[in-house]
């Protein structure tokens, strides 16, 4: 099992990056694998192996930003293709049951170091205030209740030119579309879900031109809509509208209604209640109308990108890897490699019903890291 999964990573690296430094990639993979045993940065692993940590840092600093970004995208796309190909050939109903979406969201990694790239003041949904950190924009594929990251990009810090996440998003989707086209998969068939930050008519048009026809986006409370001849803000509509009890295909109180916005024109709104005190609404940015059950089925998958952020922060300890300069993408690549390895392990019967945390506990309890590194890696670990 171990050799099979490690071979997947090394064979893919050799195929995609023929001029790449295989020794340095082994160090990246060893650092990713060490996460399952509680070692979250090069210093911790070097101390465990009793080798100079400077040697490990020299290897991880050997990559260019271009190389790191290319590895990130190609490894994530190849992993996603394995999940998508068996589903995309099935019927429309089967594809719908698989819950395929492209969820788009950003997450702030709180940082304080002045030498770390892309560190700036960003609004954090977790803290509900502006904090200092790195803003990571991500596109995650959800399929069969699994979150597979497809593209992750740090937003450049604000300065002379304002950060434009809409432009970054179009760039990321364009690149992913081309990458999946090479694999024979049209990702524009997969619905997009986004939070309220991305609401804009220009972005809506650009996504349609790119080929994405199904787009569900969370609405802002201060947006004004005219419904049944009455004009008021969405925050007031959430109080005034009487939601229907859960029905087939919709497991929350909800209300689908046609409204008019000065910005977006005629638009379908889907109000729903997650708890007795919290109500939200969605905007259908799709080219065609959708039933309420279809809108809800698509949006239900959006929480998986939040789960992915939590795994990256809490389980893989993103903050513990504080590499300066271009090292922010080296750290991200190591964490993503660890996450992808965890997804591949979950495909094996001994781990299929375990969470990533449970997999880590089982591995650290049943295996010795030093022995596994010796068995499955060559020994280019610099020991002098």
Protein backbone atom coordinates (compact mmCIF):
# COMPACT_ATOMS: atom_id res chain seq x y z
CA UNK A 1 0.00 0.00 0.00
CA UNK A 2 2.69 2.50 1.01
CA UNK A 3 4.86 1.84 -2.01
CA UNK A 4 1.84 2.06 -4.32
CA UNK A 5 0.89 5.54 -3.09
CA UNK A 6 4.43 6.89 -2.96
CA UNK A 7 4.98 5.57 -6.48
CA UNK A 8 1.99 7.61 -7.69
CA UNK A 9 3.60 10.84 -6.52
CA UNK A 10 7.10 10.05 -7.77
CA UNK A 11 5.91 8.68 -11.13
CA UNK A 12 3.77 11.77 -11.68
CA UNK A 13 6.65 14.07 -10.76
CA UNK A 14 9.01 12.22 -13.12
CA UNK A 15 6.46 12.36 -15.95
CA UNK A 16 5.48 16.01 -15.54
CA UNK A 17 8.84 17.50 -14.51
CA UNK A 18 11.59 15.58 -16.28
CA UNK A 19 14.23 18.17 -15.46
CA UNK A 20 13.15 18.38 -11.82
CA UNK A 21 15.41 17.66 -8.87
CA UNK A 22 14.23 14.23 -7.69
CA UNK A 23 16.26 14.42 -4.48
CA UNK A 24 14.65 17.72 -3.49
CA UNK A 25 11.21 16.28 -4.32
CA UNK A 26 11.90 13.32 -2.03
CA UNK A 27 12.56 15.81 0.76
CA UNK A 28 9.21 17.51 0.04
CA UNK A 29 7.42 14.14 0.12
CA UNK A 30 9.19 13.13 3.33
CA UNK A 31 8.13 16.40 4.94
CA UNK A 32 4.55 15.85 3.77
CA UNK A 33 4.53 12.27 5.06
CA UNK A 34 5.99 13.38 8.41
CA UNK A 35 2.75 15.30 9.11
CA UNK A 36 1.06 11.97 9.85
CA UNK A 37 3.50 11.51 12.72
CA UNK A 38 3.19 14.99 14.22
CA UNK A 39 6.14 16.77 12.53
CA UNK A 40 4.86 19.88 10.79
CA UNK A 41 8.00 21.71 9.61
CA UNK A 42 11.57 20.87 8.53
CA UNK A 43 13.07 21.71 11.94
CA UNK A 44 10.85 19.22 13.76
CA UNK A 45 11.61 16.43 11.29
CA UNK A 46 15.35 17.17 11.31
CA UNK A 47 15.43 17.04 15.11
CA UNK A 48 13.60 13.69 15.05
CA UNK A 49 16.04 12.23 12.50
CA UNK A 50 18.98 13.83 14.32
CA UNK A 51 20.27 15.57 11.21
CA UNK A 52 21.17 19.25 10.69
CA UNK A 53 18.00 21.15 9.89
CA UNK A 54 19.96 23.53 7.64
CA UNK A 55 20.35 20.70 5.12
CA UNK A 56 16.59 20.21 4.85
CA UNK A 57 15.98 23.93 4.54
CA UNK A 58 18.57 24.10 1.75
CA UNK A 59 16.61 21.50 -0.23
CA UNK A 60 13.19 23.13 0.20
CA UNK A 61 14.60 26.53 -0.79
CA UNK A 62 15.86 25.16 -4.09
CA UNK A 63 12.53 25.60 -5.94
CA UNK A 64 11.42 28.57 -8.01
CA UNK A 65 7.94 30.05 -7.51
CA UNK A 66 6.99 28.98 -11.05
CA UNK A 67 8.01 25.39 -10.36
CA UNK A 68 6.13 25.32 -7.06
CA UNK A 69 2.92 26.69 -8.56
CA UNK A 70 3.14 24.25 -11.47
CA UNK A 71 3.58 21.30 -9.12
CA UNK A 72 0.66 22.43 -7.01
CA UNK A 73 -1.75 22.64 -9.94
CA UNK A 74 -0.62 19.49 -11.72
CA UNK A 75 -0.73 17.26 -8.65
CA UNK A 76 -4.15 18.58 -7.64
CA UNK A 77 -5.57 18.24 -11.16
CA UNK A 78 -4.28 14.68 -11.57
CA UNK A 79 -5.84 13.70 -8.25
CA UNK A 80 -9.15 15.29 -9.26
CA UNK A 81 -9.15 13.53 -12.63
CA UNK A 82 -9.11 10.16 -10.85
CA UNK A 83 -12.29 11.13 -8.99
CA UNK A 84 -14.00 12.80 -11.96
CA UNK A 85 -13.51 10.37 -14.83
CA UNK A 86 -15.62 7.53 -13.34
CA UNK A 87 -18.45 10.02 -12.64
CA UNK A 88 -18.42 12.16 -15.80
CA UNK A 89 -19.18 9.14 -18.00
CA UNK A 90 -22.35 8.31 -16.05
CA UNK A 91 -25.90 9.62 -16.45
CA UNK A 92 -27.00 13.12 -15.45
CA UNK A 93 -28.78 11.70 -12.39
CA UNK A 94 -25.64 9.86 -11.25
CA UNK A 95 -23.53 12.99 -11.71
CA UNK A 96 -26.05 14.95 -9.67
CA UNK A 97 -25.97 12.40 -6.84
CA UNK A 98 -22.19 12.67 -6.77
CA UNK A 99 -22.61 16.31 -5.67
CA UNK A 100 -20.01 17.75 -8.03
CA UNK A 101 -19.32 21.46 -7.55
CA UNK A 102 -16.43 23.87 -7.87
CA UNK A 103 -16.46 25.75 -4.57
CA UNK A 104 -14.63 29.06 -4.46
CA UNK A 105 -13.62 30.78 -1.24
CA UNK A 106 -10.73 32.56 0.40
CA UNK A 107 -9.25 32.03 3.84
CA UNK A 108 -6.93 34.21 5.90
CA UNK A 109 -3.93 32.51 7.50
CA UNK A 110 -3.03 34.73 10.45
CA UNK A 111 0.65 35.68 10.37
CA UNK A 112 2.81 38.22 12.15
CA UNK A 113 6.25 37.85 10.57
CA UNK A 114 7.42 40.86 8.56
CA UNK A 115 9.63 38.77 6.26
CA UNK A 116 6.80 36.50 5.07
CA UNK A 117 5.44 37.23 1.60
CA UNK A 118 1.86 38.36 0.95
CA UNK A 119 1.36 39.32 4.60
CA UNK A 120 -1.08 42.21 4.92
CA UNK A 121 -4.24 43.30 6.71
CA UNK A 122 -7.23 41.22 5.62
CA UNK A 123 -10.75 40.72 6.92
CA UNK A 124 -11.11 37.33 8.58
CA UNK A 125 -14.50 35.62 8.77
CA UNK A 126 -13.19 33.48 11.61
CA UNK A 127 -12.31 36.46 13.80
CA UNK A 128 -14.95 38.80 12.33
CA UNK A 129 -12.40 41.59 12.07
CA UNK A 130 -9.35 42.73 10.11
CA UNK A 131 -6.22 40.80 11.06
CA UNK A 132 -2.68 40.54 9.76
CA UNK A 133 -2.08 37.48 7.64
CA UNK A 134 -1.96 35.85 4.23
CA UNK A 135 -5.12 35.62 2.14
CA UNK A 136 -5.36 32.32 0.26
CA UNK A 137 -7.85 32.07 -2.61
CA UNK A 138 -8.91 28.52 -3.42
CA UNK A 139 -10.98 26.48 -5.86
CA UNK A 140 -12.00 23.10 -4.47
CA UNK A 141 -13.76 20.28 -6.29
CA UNK A 142 -16.42 18.50 -4.25
CA UNK A 143 -17.35 15.02 -5.46
CA UNK A 144 -18.85 12.14 -3.47
CA UNK A 145 -18.50 14.20 -0.26
CA UNK A 146 -14.75 14.62 -0.80
CA UNK A 147 -12.99 17.97 -1.12
CA UNK A 148 -10.17 17.92 -3.68
CA UNK A 149 -8.26 21.23 -4.01
CA UNK A 150 -7.71 22.28 -7.64
CA UNK A 151 -6.02 25.66 -7.48
CA UNK A 152 -4.67 27.68 -4.56
CA UNK A 153 -3.21 31.15 -4.92
CA UNK A 154 -2.06 33.70 -2.37
CA UNK A 155 -3.54 37.14 -2.97
CA UNK A 156 -0.75 39.71 -3.35
CA UNK A 157 -0.63 42.26 -0.58
CA UNK A 158 -2.27 45.58 -1.16
CA UNK A 159 -0.06 48.47 -2.26
CA UNK A 160 0.26 50.53 -5.42
CA UNK A 161 -2.24 48.28 -7.20
CA UNK A 162 -5.39 47.12 -5.47
CA UNK A 163 -5.87 43.39 -5.13
CA UNK A 164 -8.52 42.24 -7.60
CA UNK A 165 -9.76 38.81 -6.60
CA UNK A 166 -12.14 38.68 -9.55
CA UNK A 167 -9.19 38.86 -11.97
CA UNK A 168 -7.33 36.21 -9.97
CA UNK A 169 -10.39 33.97 -10.05
CA UNK A 170 -10.82 34.27 -13.83
CA UNK A 171 -7.11 33.51 -14.27
CA UNK A 172 -7.39 30.42 -12.07
CA UNK A 173 -10.54 29.10 -13.77
CA UNK A 174 -9.08 29.71 -17.24
CA UNK A 175 -5.99 27.74 -16.32
CA UNK A 176 -8.00 24.90 -14.79
CA UNK A 177 -10.27 24.74 -17.82
CA UNK A 178 -7.25 24.29 -20.09
CA UNK A 179 -5.68 21.70 -17.76
CA UNK A 180 -8.85 19.59 -17.62
CA UNK A 181 -9.40 19.95 -21.37
CA UNK A 182 -6.06 18.16 -21.83
CA UNK A 183 -7.47 15.35 -19.69
CA UNK A 184 -10.65 15.17 -21.76
CA UNK A 185 -12.89 16.72 -19.08
CA UNK A 186 -15.05 19.82 -19.50
CA UNK A 187 -15.22 21.41 -16.06
CA UNK A 188 -17.64 24.10 -17.25
CA UNK A 189 -20.34 21.45 -16.80
CA UNK A 190 -19.71 21.56 -13.05
CA UNK A 191 -21.63 24.22 -11.06
CA UNK A 192 -19.79 27.03 -9.29
CA UNK A 193 -20.52 28.12 -5.72
CA UNK A 194 -19.10 31.31 -4.19
CA UNK A 195 -19.59 33.43 -1.10
CA UNK A 196 -20.97 36.95 -1.15
CA UNK A 197 -17.59 38.64 -1.64
CA UNK A 198 -17.67 37.71 -5.34
CA UNK A 199 -21.09 39.22 -6.13
CA UNK A 200 -20.78 41.49 -9.16
CA UNK A 201 -22.41 41.78 -12.57
CA UNK A 202 -19.08 42.08 -14.47
CA UNK A 203 -17.82 38.84 -12.88
CA UNK A 204 -21.10 37.12 -13.71
CA UNK A 205 -20.68 38.01 -17.39
CA UNK A 206 -17.03 36.96 -17.46
CA UNK A 207 -17.90 33.55 -15.98
CA UNK A 208 -20.63 33.06 -18.58
CA UNK A 209 -18.18 33.94 -21.37
CA UNK A 210 -15.75 31.40 -19.94
CA UNK A 211 -18.45 28.75 -20.33
CA UNK A 212 -19.76 28.27 -16.79
CA UNK A 213 -23.55 28.12 -16.99
CA UNK A 214 -24.48 27.14 -13.41
CA UNK A 215 -23.44 29.62 -10.73
CA UNK A 216 -24.87 29.86 -7.20
CA UNK A 217 -23.62 32.66 -5.00
CA UNK A 218 -24.39 33.82 -1.47
CA UNK A 219 -26.10 37.21 -1.29
CA UNK A 220 -25.29 40.25 0.82
CA UNK A 221 -27.76 41.61 3.35
CA UNK A 222 -27.55 45.18 2.04
CA UNK A 223 -28.60 44.33 -1.53
CA UNK A 224 -31.96 45.80 -2.57
CA UNK A 225 -34.60 43.68 -4.33
CA UNK A 226 -38.09 44.33 -5.57
CA UNK A 227 -40.41 41.41 -4.86
CA UNK A 228 -44.14 41.53 -5.65
CA UNK A 229 -43.91 45.29 -6.20
CA UNK A 230 -42.23 46.00 -2.87
CA UNK A 231 -38.65 47.29 -2.73
CA UNK A 232 -36.39 46.80 0.29
CA UNK A 233 -33.06 45.40 1.42
CA UNK A 234 -32.43 41.66 1.60
CA UNK A 235 -31.97 41.88 5.38
CA UNK A 236 -35.61 42.98 5.67
CA UNK A 237 -36.81 40.38 3.19
CA UNK A 238 -35.26 37.69 5.34
CA UNK A 239 -37.52 38.83 8.17
CA UNK A 240 -40.68 39.35 6.12
CA UNK A 241 -40.78 36.25 3.94
CA UNK A 242 -42.49 33.19 5.39
CA UNK A 243 -40.34 30.14 4.65
CA UNK A 244 -41.90 26.83 3.63
CA UNK A 245 -41.30 23.72 5.69
CA UNK A 246 -38.64 21.29 4.39
CA UNK A 247 -39.85 19.48 1.29
CA UNK A 248 -38.48 16.85 -1.08
CA UNK A 249 -34.92 17.71 -1.99
CA UNK A 250 -34.71 20.60 0.48
CA UNK A 251 -34.04 19.68 4.10
CA UNK A 252 -34.27 23.23 5.51
CA UNK A 253 -37.08 25.81 5.66
CA UNK A 254 -36.83 27.74 2.40
CA UNK A 255 -38.54 30.05 -0.07
CA UNK A 256 -37.70 30.44 -3.76
CA UNK A 257 -38.88 33.69 -5.31
CA UNK A 258 -38.27 35.82 -8.38
CA UNK A 259 -36.98 39.30 -7.63
CA UNK A 260 -35.65 42.33 -9.42
CA UNK A 261 -32.33 44.04 -8.68
CA UNK A 262 -31.21 47.39 -10.11
CA UNK A 263 -27.79 45.78 -10.65
CA UNK A 264 -28.62 42.27 -11.82
CA UNK A 265 -32.09 42.72 -13.31
CA UNK A 266 -34.55 39.83 -12.90
CA UNK A 267 -32.99 37.19 -10.68
CA UNK A 268 -34.03 34.07 -8.77
CA UNK A 269 -33.52 34.27 -5.01
CA UNK A 270 -33.48 31.32 -2.63
CA UNK A 271 -34.01 32.18 1.04
CA UNK A 272 -33.29 29.48 3.62
CA UNK A 273 -32.90 29.07 7.36
CA UNK A 274 -29.97 27.16 8.85
CA UNK A 275 -31.13 27.53 12.44
CA UNK A 276 -33.99 29.14 14.32
CA UNK A 277 -32.14 32.46 14.42
CA UNK A 278 -30.05 32.57 11.23
CA UNK A 279 -31.46 33.10 7.75
CA UNK A 280 -29.54 33.43 4.50
CA UNK A 281 -30.24 33.75 0.82
CA UNK A 282 -28.65 32.64 -2.43
CA UNK A 283 -28.63 34.27 -5.85
CA UNK A 284 -28.94 32.19 -8.99
CA UNK A 285 -26.35 33.60 -11.41
CA UNK A 286 -26.93 30.72 -13.83
CA UNK A 287 -27.87 31.24 -17.45
CA UNK A 288 -31.09 29.28 -16.94
CA UNK A 289 -33.67 29.07 -14.16
CA UNK A 290 -33.35 26.38 -11.49
CA UNK A 291 -35.74 24.70 -9.13
CA UNK A 292 -35.26 25.34 -5.43
CA UNK A 293 -34.18 21.73 -4.85
CA UNK A 294 -31.48 22.05 -7.50
CA UNK A 295 -30.16 25.30 -6.05
CA UNK A 296 -30.04 23.81 -2.56
CA UNK A 297 -28.42 20.55 -3.74
CA UNK A 298 -25.60 22.54 -5.34
CA UNK A 299 -25.07 24.89 -2.39
CA UNK A 300 -25.08 22.07 0.19
CA UNK A 301 -21.62 21.06 -0.99
CA UNK A 302 -20.10 24.50 -0.35
CA UNK A 303 -19.32 23.75 3.30
CA UNK A 304 -16.69 21.22 2.18
CA UNK A 305 -14.31 24.01 1.22
CA UNK A 306 -14.63 25.34 4.76
CA UNK A 307 -13.76 21.85 6.00
CA UNK A 308 -10.70 21.88 3.75
CA UNK A 309 -9.51 25.20 5.21
CA UNK A 310 -9.93 23.83 8.74
CA UNK A 311 -7.96 20.70 7.87
CA UNK A 312 -5.16 22.79 6.38
CA UNK A 313 -5.02 25.03 9.45
CA UNK A 314 -5.85 22.74 12.37
CA UNK A 315 -4.70 19.26 11.28
CA UNK A 316 -1.79 20.10 8.97
CA UNK A 317 -0.78 23.19 11.00
CA UNK A 318 -0.27 25.63 8.15
CA UNK A 319 1.00 28.30 10.54
CA UNK A 320 3.88 26.13 11.79
CA UNK A 321 5.62 26.31 8.41
CA UNK A 322 7.09 29.81 8.37
CA UNK A 323 9.36 29.84 5.34
CA UNK A 324 10.40 33.29 4.21
CA UNK A 325 10.07 34.80 0.75
CA UNK A 326 9.04 32.32 -1.93
CA UNK A 327 8.88 29.65 0.75
CA UNK A 328 5.19 30.39 1.27
CA UNK A 329 4.43 28.27 -1.82
CA UNK A 330 6.90 25.59 -0.71
CA UNK A 331 5.02 25.34 2.58
CA UNK A 332 1.69 25.24 0.78
CA UNK A 333 2.90 22.50 -1.57
CA UNK A 334 4.08 20.35 1.35
CA UNK A 335 0.74 20.72 3.12
CA UNK A 336 -1.22 19.93 -0.05
CA UNK A 337 0.94 16.87 -0.78
CA UNK A 338 0.17 15.66 2.74
CA UNK A 339 -3.55 16.24 2.22
CA UNK A 340 -3.57 14.45 -1.15
CA UNK A 341 -1.70 11.53 0.41
CA UNK A 342 -4.38 11.36 3.12
CA UNK A 343 -7.11 11.25 0.43
CA UNK A 344 -5.33 8.39 -1.31
CA UNK A 345 -4.92 6.47 1.94
CA UNK A 346 -8.65 6.82 2.61
CA UNK A 347 -9.29 4.85 -0.57
CA UNK A 348 -7.78 1.76 1.10
CA UNK A 349 -10.08 -0.43 3.24
CA UNK A 350 -8.11 -0.06 6.52
CA UNK A 351 -8.59 3.74 6.37
CA UNK A 352 -11.81 4.17 4.39
CA UNK A 353 -14.00 4.92 7.40
CA UNK A 354 -11.45 6.97 9.32
CA UNK A 355 -11.06 10.73 9.44
CA UNK A 356 -7.69 12.26 8.64
CA UNK A 357 -7.03 12.75 12.35
CA UNK A 358 -7.83 9.09 13.03
CA UNK A 359 -5.54 8.04 10.17
CA UNK A 360 -2.71 10.06 11.72
CA UNK A 361 -3.27 8.47 15.12
CA UNK A 362 -3.37 4.98 13.65
CA UNK A 363 -0.19 5.49 11.65
CA UNK A 364 1.78 7.00 14.52
CA UNK A 365 0.57 4.18 16.79
CA UNK A 366 1.29 1.27 14.44
CA UNK A 367 4.39 2.44 12.54
CA UNK A 368 7.77 4.05 13.11
CA UNK A 369 8.48 7.07 10.91
CA UNK A 370 12.23 6.50 10.65
CA UNK A 371 11.69 2.91 9.52
CA UNK A 372 9.14 3.93 6.89
CA UNK A 373 11.41 6.66 5.54
CA UNK A 374 14.25 4.16 5.23
CA UNK A 375 12.04 1.59 3.51
CA UNK A 376 10.26 3.83 1.02
CA UNK A 377 12.69 6.65 0.30
CA UNK A 378 16.22 6.59 -1.03
CA UNK A 379 18.65 7.98 1.46
CA UNK A 380 19.63 11.30 -0.01
CA UNK A 381 18.72 12.86 3.32
CA UNK A 382 21.79 14.98 4.00
CA UNK A 383 23.29 13.69 7.19
CA UNK A 384 26.56 15.59 7.17
